[in-house]
Amino acid sequence: MMFAATALAILVTMGLTLARALLGPTVFDRILAVNVFGTLTVVLIAVYGFLTERPEFLDIALVYALINFIGTIAVTKYVKFQHLGFPIDGDDDQDDPGDLRWS
């Protein structure tokens, strides 16, 4: 019964997070809200696995967490640089594609 209440609290928090993702005000607030929503989804999958006594749901939650993390990094990079790979037409100061540096 306690884990059902936990699942309900997670769903309420996911609803509030979804409201933040829709309302903004900045794009970074929206990205953070979607990341939090993904993290809460991971927790909800783990709680559901515990409620149904199926430990393999924890593996699914871990894979979802990795996808959520990589997706958040990719979207943030795209918002900041307007491209995901190397720049086209020399619109960045990276002249050599072999020169990999964090900026």
PDB file of N, CA and C in Angstrom:
ATOM      1  N   MET A   1       0.818  -1.191   0.000  1.00  0.00           N
ATOM      2  CA  MET A   1       0.000   0.000   0.000  1.00  0.00           C
ATOM      3  C   MET A   1       0.863   1.257   0.000  1.00  0.00           C
ATOM      4  N   MET A   2       1.980   1.186   0.705  1.00  0.00           N
ATOM      5  CA  MET A   2       2.858   2.350   0.792  1.00  0.00           C
ATOM      6  C   MET A   2       3.491   2.665  -0.559  1.00  0.00           C
ATOM      7  N   PHE A   3       3.822   1.628  -1.337  1.00  0.00           N
ATOM      8  CA  PHE A   3       4.436   1.865  -2.638  1.00  0.00           C
ATOM      9  C   PHE A   3       3.422   2.396  -3.648  1.00  0.00           C
ATOM     10  N   ALA A   4       2.148   2.063  -3.459  1.00  0.00           N
ATOM     11  CA  ALA A   4       1.112   2.636  -4.314  1.00  0.00           C
ATOM     12  C   ALA A   4       0.986   4.134  -4.051  1.00  0.00           C
ATOM     13  N   ALA A   5       1.093   4.540  -2.798  1.00  0.00           N
ATOM     14  CA  ALA A   5       1.072   5.964  -2.463  1.00  0.00           C
ATOM     15  C   ALA A   5       2.301   6.666  -3.033  1.00  0.00           C
ATOM     16  N   THR A   6       3.430   5.986  -3.005  1.00  0.00           N
ATOM     17  CA  THR A   6       4.647   6.533  -3.597  1.00  0.00           C
ATOM     18  C   THR A   6       4.482   6.723  -5.096  1.00  0.00           C
ATOM     19  N   ALA A   7       3.893   5.747  -5.764  1.00  0.00           N
ATOM     20  CA  ALA A   7       3.662   5.854  -7.201  1.00  0.00           C
ATOM     21  C   ALA A   7       2.715   7.009  -7.507  1.00  0.00           C
ATOM     22  N   LEU A   8       1.698   7.192  -6.695  1.00  0.00           N
ATOM     23  CA  LEU A   8       0.771   8.304  -6.888  1.00  0.00           C
ATOM     24  C   LEU A   8       1.484   9.645  -6.695  1.00  0.00           C
ATOM     25  N   ALA A   9       2.328   9.744  -5.687  1.00  0.00           N
ATOM     26  CA  ALA A   9       3.084  10.984  -5.459  1.00  0.00           C
ATOM     27  C   ALA A   9       4.027  11.266  -6.626  1.00  0.00           C
ATOM     28  N   ILE A  10       4.630  10.234  -7.187  1.00  0.00           N
ATOM     29  CA  ILE A  10       5.507  10.415  -8.346  1.00  0.00           C
ATOM     30  C   ILE A  10       4.703  10.915  -9.541  1.00  0.00           C
ATOM     31  N   LEU A  11       3.505  10.377  -9.749  1.00  0.00           N
ATOM     32  CA  LEU A  11       2.657  10.822 -10.853  1.00  0.00           C
ATOM     33  C   LEU A  11       2.230  12.282 -10.690  1.00  0.00           C
ATOM     34  N   VAL A  12       1.924  12.697  -9.471  1.00  0.00           N
ATOM     35  CA  VAL A  12       1.574  14.095  -9.225  1.00  0.00           C
ATOM     36  C   VAL A  12       2.770  14.998  -9.521  1.00  0.00           C
ATOM     37  N   THR A  13       3.945  14.593  -9.080  1.00  0.00           N
ATOM     38  CA  THR A  13       5.157  15.365  -9.349  1.00  0.00           C
ATOM     39  C   THR A  13       5.457  15.421 -10.841  1.00  0.00           C
ATOM     40  N   MET A  14       5.187  14.336 -11.557  1.00  0.00           N
ATOM     41  CA  MET A  14       5.383  14.335 -13.004  1.00  0.00           C
ATOM     42  C   MET A  14       4.426  15.323 -13.675  1.00  0.00           C
ATOM     43  N   GLY A  15       3.212  15.431 -13.175  1.00  0.00           N
ATOM     44  CA  GLY A  15       2.270  16.409 -13.709  1.00  0.00           C
ATOM     45  C   GLY A  15       2.746  17.838 -13.499  1.00  0.00           C
ATOM     46  N   LEU A  16       3.267  18.130 -12.318  1.00  0.00           N
ATOM     47  CA  LEU A  16       3.806  19.461 -12.051  1.00  0.00           C
ATOM     48  C   LEU A  16       5.020  19.759 -12.928  1.00  0.00           C
ATOM     49  N   THR A  17       5.845  18.748 -13.138  1.00  0.00           N
ATOM     50  CA  THR A  17       7.017  18.915 -13.990  1.00  0.00           C
ATOM     51  C   THR A  17       6.606  19.149 -15.436  1.00  0.00           C
ATOM     52  N   LEU A  18       5.570  18.460 -15.878  1.00  0.00           N
ATOM     53  CA  LEU A  18       5.060  18.662 -17.233  1.00  0.00           C
ATOM     54  C   LEU A  18       4.519  20.085 -17.405  1.00  0.00           C
ATOM     55  N   ALA A  19       3.893  20.614 -16.367  1.00  0.00           N
ATOM     56  CA  ALA A  19       3.426  22.006 -16.421  1.00  0.00           C
ATOM     57  C   ALA A  19       4.607  22.961 -16.563  1.00  0.00           C
ATOM     58  N   ARG A  20       5.695  22.704 -15.846  1.00  0.00           N
ATOM     59  CA  ARG A  20       6.888  23.552 -15.956  1.00  0.00           C
ATOM     60  C   ARG A  20       7.489  23.456 -17.350  1.00  0.00           C
ATOM     61  N   ALA A  21       7.458  22.262 -17.933  1.00  0.00           N
ATOM     62  CA  ALA A  21       8.002  22.089 -19.282  1.00  0.00           C
ATOM     63  C   ALA A  21       7.176  22.864 -20.306  1.00  0.00           C
ATOM     64  N   LEU A  22       5.883  22.959 -20.106  1.00  0.00           N
ATOM     65  CA  LEU A  22       5.031  23.681 -21.050  1.00  0.00           C
ATOM     66  C   LEU A  22       5.076  25.194 -20.839  1.00  0.00           C
ATOM     67  N   LEU A  23       5.240  25.633 -19.599  1.00  0.00           N
ATOM     68  CA  LEU A  23       5.183  27.059 -19.296  1.00  0.00           C
ATOM     69  C   LEU A  23       6.525  27.776 -19.426  1.00  0.00           C
ATOM     70  N   GLY A  24       7.619  27.076 -19.323  1.00  0.00           N
ATOM     71  CA  GLY A  24       8.930  27.714 -19.515  1.00  0.00           C
ATOM     72  C   GLY A  24       9.419  28.396 -18.256  1.00  0.00           C
ATOM     73  N   PRO A  25       9.876  29.611 -18.276  1.00  0.00           N
ATOM     74  CA  PRO A  25       9.847  30.628 -19.317  1.00  0.00           C
ATOM     75  C   PRO A  25      11.007  30.534 -20.321  1.00  0.00           C
ATOM     76  N   THR A  26      12.120  29.922 -19.948  1.00  0.00           N
ATOM     77  CA  THR A  26      13.229  29.841 -20.905  1.00  0.00           C
ATOM     78  C   THR A  26      13.352  28.421 -21.437  1.00  0.00           C
ATOM     79  N   VAL A  27      14.116  28.283 -22.500  1.00  0.00           N
ATOM     80  CA  VAL A  27      14.313  26.962 -23.096  1.00  0.00           C
ATOM     81  C   VAL A  27      15.080  26.049 -22.138  1.00  0.00           C
ATOM     82  N   PHE A  28      15.957  26.624 -21.324  1.00  0.00           N
ATOM     83  CA  PHE A  28      16.715  25.801 -20.384  1.00  0.00           C
ATOM     84  C   PHE A  28      15.834  25.290 -19.247  1.00  0.00           C
ATOM     85  N   ASP A  29      14.821  26.066 -18.849  1.00  0.00           N
ATOM     86  CA  ASP A  29      13.838  25.570 -17.884  1.00  0.00           C
ATOM     87  C   ASP A  29      13.075  24.385 -18.458  1.00  0.00           C
ATOM     88  N   ARG A  30      12.731  24.482 -19.731  1.00  0.00           N
ATOM     89  CA  ARG A  30      12.006  23.390 -20.382  1.00  0.00           C
ATOM     90  C   ARG A  30      12.873  22.146 -20.490  1.00  0.00           C
ATOM     91  N   ILE A  31      14.147  22.314 -20.850  1.00  0.00           N
ATOM     92  CA  ILE A  31      15.058  21.162 -20.947  1.00  0.00           C
ATOM     93  C   ILE A  31      15.210  20.503 -19.585  1.00  0.00           C
ATOM     94  N   LEU A  32      15.387  21.295 -18.552  1.00  0.00           N
ATOM     95  CA  LEU A  32      15.530  20.748 -17.201  1.00  0.00           C
ATOM     96  C   LEU A  32      14.262  20.026 -16.759  1.00  0.00           C
ATOM     97  N   ALA A  33      13.100  20.586 -17.100  1.00  0.00           N
ATOM     98  CA  ALA A  33      11.838  19.946 -16.732  1.00  0.00           C
ATOM     99  C   ALA A  33      11.676  18.602 -17.438  1.00  0.00           C
ATOM    100  N   VAL A  34      12.051  18.538 -18.715  1.00  0.00           N
ATOM    101  CA  VAL A  34      11.963  17.262 -19.433  1.00  0.00           C
ATOM    102  C   VAL A  34      12.950  16.256 -18.843  1.00  0.00           C
ATOM    103  N   ASN A  35      14.125  16.720 -18.430  1.00  0.00           N
ATOM    104  CA  ASN A  35      15.095  15.825 -17.796  1.00  0.00           C
ATOM    105  C   ASN A  35      14.553  15.290 -16.462  1.00  0.00           C
ATOM    106  N   VAL A  36      13.945  16.154 -15.678  1.00  0.00           N
ATOM    107  CA  VAL A  36      13.351  15.721 -14.406  1.00  0.00           C
ATOM    108  C   VAL A  36      12.210  14.744 -14.660  1.00  0.00           C
ATOM    109  N   PHE A  37      11.403  15.018 -15.699  1.00  0.00           N
ATOM    110  CA  PHE A  37      10.317  14.107 -16.055  1.00  0.00           C
ATOM    111  C   PHE A  37      10.866  12.726 -16.403  1.00  0.00           C
ATOM    112  N   GLY A  38      11.960  12.687 -17.152  1.00  0.00           N
ATOM    113  CA  GLY A  38      12.592  11.405 -17.491  1.00  0.00           C
ATOM    114  C   GLY A  38      13.125  10.686 -16.263  1.00  0.00           C
ATOM    115  N   THR A  39      13.699  11.448 -15.349  1.00  0.00           N
ATOM    116  CA  THR A  39      14.207  10.842 -14.114  1.00  0.00           C
ATOM    117  C   THR A  39      13.064  10.281 -13.278  1.00  0.00           C
ATOM    118  N   LEU A  40      11.966  11.016 -13.208  1.00  0.00           N
ATOM    119  CA  LEU A  40      10.803  10.507 -12.475  1.00  0.00           C
ATOM    120  C   LEU A  40      10.207   9.277 -13.156  1.00  0.00           C
ATOM    121  N   THR A  41      10.311   9.222 -14.475  1.00  0.00           N
ATOM    122  CA  THR A  41       9.859   8.026 -15.186  1.00  0.00           C
ATOM    123  C   THR A  41      10.704   6.819 -14.798  1.00  0.00           C
ATOM    124  N   VAL A  42      11.995   7.028 -14.667  1.00  0.00           N
ATOM    125  CA  VAL A  42      12.892   5.941 -14.226  1.00  0.00           C
ATOM    126  C   VAL A  42      12.488   5.458 -12.835  1.00  0.00           C
ATOM    127  N   VAL A  43      12.225   6.383 -11.940  1.00  0.00           N
ATOM    128  CA  VAL A  43      11.818   6.013 -10.580  1.00  0.00           C
ATOM    129  C   VAL A  43      10.475   5.293 -10.601  1.00  0.00           C
ATOM    130  N   LEU A  44       9.548   5.769 -11.438  1.00  0.00           N
ATOM    131  CA  LEU A  44       8.232   5.126 -11.528  1.00  0.00           C
ATOM    132  C   LEU A  44       8.342   3.702 -12.074  1.00  0.00           C
ATOM    133  N   ILE A  45       9.191   3.495 -13.059  1.00  0.00           N
ATOM    134  CA  ILE A  45       9.405   2.144 -13.593  1.00  0.00           C
ATOM    135  C   ILE A  45       9.978   1.231 -12.508  1.00  0.00           C
ATOM    136  N   ALA A  46      10.910   1.748 -11.728  1.00  0.00           N
ATOM    137  CA  ALA A  46      11.500   0.943 -10.652  1.00  0.00           C
ATOM    138  C   ALA A  46      10.467   0.610  -9.576  1.00  0.00           C
ATOM    139  N   VAL A  47       9.638   1.573  -9.209  1.00  0.00           N
ATOM    140  CA  VAL A  47       8.600   1.323  -8.200  1.00  0.00           C
ATOM    141  C   VAL A  47       7.571   0.329  -8.732  1.00  0.00           C
ATOM    142  N   TYR A  48       7.199   0.478 -10.008  1.00  0.00           N
ATOM    143  CA  TYR A  48       6.252  -0.468 -10.600  1.00  0.00           C
ATOM    144  C   TYR A  48       6.837  -1.891 -10.616  1.00  0.00           C
ATOM    145  N   GLY A  49       8.114  -1.993 -10.928  1.00  0.00           N
ATOM    146  CA  GLY A  49       8.761  -3.306 -10.895  1.00  0.00           C
ATOM    147  C   GLY A  49       8.747  -3.913  -9.504  1.00  0.00           C
ATOM    148  N   PHE A  50       8.921  -3.058  -8.496  1.00  0.00           N
ATOM    149  CA  PHE A  50       8.875  -3.558  -7.126  1.00  0.00           C
ATOM    150  C   PHE A  50       7.464  -3.977  -6.751  1.00  0.00           C
ATOM    151  N   LEU A  51       6.465  -3.193  -7.180  1.00  0.00           N
ATOM    152  CA  LEU A  51       5.070  -3.526  -6.860  1.00  0.00           C
ATOM    153  C   LEU A  51       4.641  -4.847  -7.493  1.00  0.00           C
ATOM    154  N   THR A  52       5.101  -5.107  -8.702  1.00  0.00           N
ATOM    155  CA  THR A  52       4.719  -6.339  -9.398  1.00  0.00           C
ATOM    156  C   THR A  52       5.698  -7.485  -9.158  1.00  0.00           C
ATOM    157  N   GLU A  53       6.697  -7.249  -8.313  1.00  0.00           N
ATOM    158  CA  GLU A  53       7.727  -8.248  -7.971  1.00  0.00           C
ATOM    159  C   GLU A  53       8.436  -8.779  -9.219  1.00  0.00           C
ATOM    160  N   ARG A  54       8.793  -7.862 -10.113  1.00  0.00           N
ATOM    161  CA  ARG A  54       9.522  -8.216 -11.332  1.00  0.00           C
ATOM    162  C   ARG A  54      10.814  -7.399 -11.361  1.00  0.00           C
ATOM    163  N   PRO A  55      11.911  -7.966 -10.903  1.00  0.00           N
ATOM    164  CA  PRO A  55      13.164  -7.208 -10.808  1.00  0.00           C
ATOM    165  C   PRO A  55      13.764  -6.825 -12.157  1.00  0.00           C
ATOM    166  N   GLU A  56      13.312  -7.448 -13.254  1.00  0.00           N
ATOM    167  CA  GLU A  56      13.861  -7.078 -14.562  1.00  0.00           C
ATOM    168  C   GLU A  56      13.444  -5.674 -14.987  1.00  0.00           C
ATOM    169  N   PHE A  57      12.449  -5.102 -14.335  1.00  0.00           N
ATOM    170  CA  PHE A  57      12.069  -3.729 -14.635  1.00  0.00           C
ATOM    171  C   PHE A  57      13.171  -2.749 -14.238  1.00  0.00           C
ATOM    172  N   LEU A  58      14.017  -3.126 -13.310  1.00  0.00           N
ATOM    173  CA  LEU A  58      15.136  -2.270 -12.927  1.00  0.00           C
ATOM    174  C   LEU A  58      16.115  -2.123 -14.089  1.00  0.00           C
ATOM    175  N   ASP A  59      16.312  -3.178 -14.858  1.00  0.00           N
ATOM    176  CA  ASP A  59      17.162  -3.092 -16.044  1.00  0.00           C
ATOM    177  C   ASP A  59      16.568  -2.138 -17.070  1.00  0.00           C
ATOM    178  N   ILE A  60      15.267  -2.202 -17.250  1.00  0.00           N
ATOM    179  CA  ILE A  60      14.597  -1.290 -18.175  1.00  0.00           C
ATOM    180  C   ILE A  60      14.741   0.143 -17.686  1.00  0.00           C
ATOM    181  N   ALA A  61      14.623   0.356 -16.394  1.00  0.00           N
ATOM    182  CA  ALA A  61      14.768   1.702 -15.833  1.00  0.00           C
ATOM    183  C   ALA A  61      16.179   2.240 -16.051  1.00  0.00           C
ATOM    184  N   LEU A  62      17.185   1.391 -15.915  1.00  0.00           N
ATOM    185  CA  LEU A  62      18.567   1.838 -16.130  1.00  0.00           C
ATOM    186  C   LEU A  62      18.808   2.214 -17.588  1.00  0.00           C
ATOM    187  N   VAL A  63      18.287   1.438 -18.512  1.00  0.00           N
ATOM    188  CA  VAL A  63      18.434   1.772 -19.931  1.00  0.00           C
ATOM    189  C   VAL A  63      17.720   3.088 -20.237  1.00  0.00           C
ATOM    190  N   TYR A  64      16.546   3.280 -19.686  1.00  0.00           N
ATOM    191  CA  TYR A  64      15.809   4.519 -19.897  1.00  0.00           C
ATOM    192  C   TYR A  64      16.576   5.707 -19.311  1.00  0.00           C
ATOM    193  N   ALA A  65      17.233   5.503 -18.178  1.00  0.00           N
ATOM    194  CA  ALA A  65      18.025   6.584 -17.570  1.00  0.00           C
ATOM    195  C   ALA A  65      19.187   6.982 -18.480  1.00  0.00           C
ATOM    196  N   LEU A  66      19.839   6.005 -19.095  1.00  0.00           N
ATOM    197  CA  LEU A  66      20.934   6.316 -20.012  1.00  0.00           C
ATOM    198  C   LEU A  66      20.435   7.069 -21.235  1.00  0.00           C
ATOM    199  N   ILE A  67      19.310   6.641 -21.790  1.00  0.00           N
ATOM    200  CA  ILE A  67      18.738   7.329 -22.948  1.00  0.00           C
ATOM    201  C   ILE A  67      18.330   8.753 -22.567  1.00  0.00           C
ATOM    202  N   ASN A  68      17.759   8.920 -21.397  1.00  0.00           N
ATOM    203  CA  ASN A  68      17.366  10.244 -20.928  1.00  0.00           C
ATOM    204  C   ASN A  68      18.577  11.155 -20.789  1.00  0.00           C
ATOM    205  N   PHE A  69      19.654  10.649 -20.236  1.00  0.00           N
ATOM    206  CA  PHE A  69      20.863  11.448 -20.045  1.00  0.00           C
ATOM    207  C   PHE A  69      21.463  11.869 -21.383  1.00  0.00           C
ATOM    208  N   ILE A  70      21.608  10.924 -22.298  1.00  0.00           N
ATOM    209  CA  ILE A  70      22.196  11.233 -23.603  1.00  0.00           C
ATOM    210  C   ILE A  70      21.300  12.205 -24.377  1.00  0.00           C
ATOM    211  N   GLY A  71      20.005  12.011 -24.311  1.00  0.00           N
ATOM    212  CA  GLY A  71      19.083  12.917 -24.989  1.00  0.00           C
ATOM    213  C   GLY A  71      19.153  14.333 -24.438  1.00  0.00           C
ATOM    214  N   THR A  72      19.274  14.471 -23.134  1.00  0.00           N
ATOM    215  CA  THR A  72      19.374  15.795 -22.527  1.00  0.00           C
ATOM    216  C   THR A  72      20.651  16.500 -22.957  1.00  0.00           C
ATOM    217  N   ILE A  73      21.760  15.768 -22.992  1.00  0.00           N
ATOM    218  CA  ILE A  73      23.029  16.351 -23.437  1.00  0.00           C
ATOM    219  C   ILE A  73      22.923  16.779 -24.899  1.00  0.00           C
ATOM    220  N   ALA A  74      22.324  15.951 -25.744  1.00  0.00           N
ATOM    221  CA  ALA A  74      22.205  16.274 -27.167  1.00  0.00           C
ATOM    222  C   ALA A  74      21.332  17.504 -27.392  1.00  0.00           C
ATOM    223  N   VAL A  75      20.202  17.589 -26.710  1.00  0.00           N
ATOM    224  CA  VAL A  75      19.314  18.735 -26.890  1.00  0.00           C
ATOM    225  C   VAL A  75      19.970  20.015 -26.376  1.00  0.00           C
ATOM    226  N   THR A  76      20.644  19.935 -25.256  1.00  0.00           N
ATOM    227  CA  THR A  76      21.333  21.108 -24.720  1.00  0.00           C
ATOM    228  C   THR A  76      22.429  21.583 -25.666  1.00  0.00           C
ATOM    229  N   LYS A  77      23.186  20.643 -26.223  1.00  0.00           N
ATOM    230  CA  LYS A  77      24.235  21.016 -27.173  1.00  0.00           C
ATOM    231  C   LYS A  77      23.627  21.645 -28.419  1.00  0.00           C
ATOM    232  N   TYR A  78      22.523  21.109 -28.908  1.00  0.00           N
ATOM    233  CA  TYR A  78      21.882  21.660 -30.094  1.00  0.00           C
ATOM    234  C   TYR A  78      21.362  23.070 -29.825  1.00  0.00           C
ATOM    235  N   VAL A  79      20.774  23.291 -28.654  1.00  0.00           N
ATOM    236  CA  VAL A  79      20.251  24.621 -28.328  1.00  0.00           C
ATOM    237  C   VAL A  79      21.394  25.634 -28.239  1.00  0.00           C
ATOM    238  N   LYS A  80      22.519  25.211 -27.696  1.00  0.00           N
ATOM    239  CA  LYS A  80      23.632  26.141 -27.522  1.00  0.00           C
ATOM    240  C   LYS A  80      24.368  26.410 -28.831  1.00  0.00           C
ATOM    241  N   PHE A  81      24.653  25.370 -29.631  1.00  0.00           N
ATOM    242  CA  PHE A  81      25.505  25.522 -30.813  1.00  0.00           C
ATOM    243  C   PHE A  81      24.752  25.494 -32.140  1.00  0.00           C
ATOM    244  N   GLN A  82      23.479  25.139 -32.155  1.00  0.00           N
ATOM    245  CA  GLN A  82      22.659  25.027 -33.354  1.00  0.00           C
ATOM    246  C   GLN A  82      23.109  23.927 -34.314  1.00  0.00           C
ATOM    247  N   HIS A  83      23.945  23.018 -33.874  1.00  0.00           N
ATOM    248  CA  HIS A  83      24.317  21.831 -34.646  1.00  0.00           C
ATOM    249  C   HIS A  83      24.817  20.780 -33.677  1.00  0.00           C
ATOM    250  N   LEU A  84      24.768  19.521 -34.091  1.00  0.00           N
ATOM    251  CA  LEU A  84      25.194  18.425 -33.213  1.00  0.00           C
ATOM    252  C   LEU A  84      26.564  17.878 -33.579  1.00  0.00           C
ATOM    253  N   GLY A  85      26.978  18.090 -34.815  1.00  0.00           N
ATOM    254  CA  GLY A  85      28.269  17.573 -35.260  1.00  0.00           C
ATOM    255  C   GLY A  85      29.245  18.700 -35.471  1.00  0.00           C
ATOM    256  N   PHE A  86      30.133  18.500 -36.431  1.00  0.00           N
ATOM    257  CA  PHE A  86      31.086  19.540 -36.764  1.00  0.00           C
ATOM    258  C   PHE A  86      30.390  20.613 -37.589  1.00  0.00           C
ATOM    259  N   PRO A  87      30.814  21.858 -37.441  1.00  0.00           N
ATOM    260  CA  PRO A  87      30.146  22.945 -38.155  1.00  0.00           C
ATOM    261  C   PRO A  87      30.350  22.848 -39.665  1.00  0.00           C
ATOM    262  N   ILE A  88      29.353  23.298 -40.389  1.00  0.00           N
ATOM    263  CA  ILE A  88      29.405  23.334 -41.844  1.00  0.00           C
ATOM    264  C   ILE A  88      29.701  24.774 -42.266  1.00  0.00           C
ATOM    265  N   ASP A  89      30.471  24.954 -43.327  1.00  0.00           N
ATOM    266  CA  ASP A  89      30.810  26.265 -43.882  1.00  0.00           C
ATOM    267  C   ASP A  89      31.658  27.104 -42.944  1.00  0.00           C
ATOM    268  N   GLY A  90      32.387  26.480 -42.049  1.00  0.00           N
ATOM    269  CA  GLY A  90      33.329  27.206 -41.193  1.00  0.00           C
ATOM    270  C   GLY A  90      32.682  28.237 -40.295  1.00  0.00           C
ATOM    271  N   ASP A  91      31.486  27.975 -39.788  1.00  0.00           N
ATOM    272  CA  ASP A  91      30.823  28.951 -38.932  1.00  0.00           C
ATOM    273  C   ASP A  91      31.242  28.845 -37.472  1.00  0.00           C
ATOM    274  N   ASP A  92      32.307  28.120 -37.210  1.00  0.00           N
ATOM    275  CA  ASP A  92      32.837  28.016 -35.860  1.00  0.00           C
ATOM    276  C   ASP A  92      34.352  28.141 -35.950  1.00  0.00           C
ATOM    277  N   ASP A  93      35.013  28.321 -34.816  1.00  0.00           N
ATOM    278  CA  ASP A  93      36.459  28.504 -34.852  1.00  0.00           C
ATOM    279  C   ASP A  93      37.226  27.187 -34.886  1.00  0.00           C
ATOM    280  N   GLN A  94      36.546  26.062 -35.035  1.00  0.00           N
ATOM    281  CA  GLN A  94      37.223  24.771 -35.146  1.00  0.00           C
ATOM    282  C   GLN A  94      37.586  24.541 -36.608  1.00  0.00           C
ATOM    283  N   ASP A  95      38.858  24.748 -36.943  1.00  0.00           N
ATOM    284  CA  ASP A  95      39.292  24.578 -38.328  1.00  0.00           C
ATOM    285  C   ASP A  95      39.526  23.122 -38.676  1.00  0.00           C
ATOM    286  N   ASP A  96      40.049  22.380 -37.734  1.00  0.00           N
ATOM    287  CA  ASP A  96      40.410  20.991 -37.983  1.00  0.00           C
ATOM    288  C   ASP A  96      39.416  20.075 -37.284  1.00  0.00           C
ATOM    289  N   PRO A  97      38.697  19.189 -38.021  1.00  0.00           N
ATOM    290  CA  PRO A  97      37.758  18.299 -37.351  1.00  0.00           C
ATOM    291  C   PRO A  97      38.440  17.349 -36.380  1.00  0.00           C
ATOM    292  N   GLY A  98      39.740  17.144 -36.530  1.00  0.00           N
ATOM    293  CA  GLY A  98      40.461  16.292 -35.581  1.00  0.00           C
ATOM    294  C   GLY A  98      40.762  16.976 -34.273  1.00  0.00           C
ATOM    295  N   ASP A  99      40.593  18.298 -34.234  1.00  0.00           N
ATOM    296  CA  ASP A  99      40.858  19.066 -33.022  1.00  0.00           C
ATOM    297  C   ASP A  99      39.606  19.056 -32.153  1.00  0.00           C
ATOM    298  N   LEU A 100      39.522  18.090 -31.250  1.00  0.00           N
ATOM    299  CA  LEU A 100      38.348  17.955 -30.398  1.00  0.00           C
ATOM    300  C   LEU A 100      38.613  18.628 -29.061  1.00  0.00           C
ATOM    301  N   ARG A 101      37.955  19.732 -28.817  1.00  0.00           N
ATOM    302  CA  ARG A 101      38.092  20.409 -27.547  1.00  0.00           C
ATOM    303  C   ARG A 101      36.713  20.823 -27.049  1.00  0.00           C
ATOM    304  N   TRP A 102      36.602  20.887 -25.751  1.00  0.00           N
ATOM    305  CA  TRP A 102      35.347  21.328 -25.156  1.00  0.00           C
ATOM    306  C   TRP A 102      35.390  22.839 -25.071  1.00  0.00           C
ATOM    307  N   SER A 103      34.309  23.465 -25.477  1.00  0.00           N
ATOM    308  CA  SER A 103      34.277  24.918 -25.364  1.00  0.00           C
ATOM    309  C   SER A 103      33.235  25.372 -24.385  1.00  0.00           C
TER     310      SER A 103
END
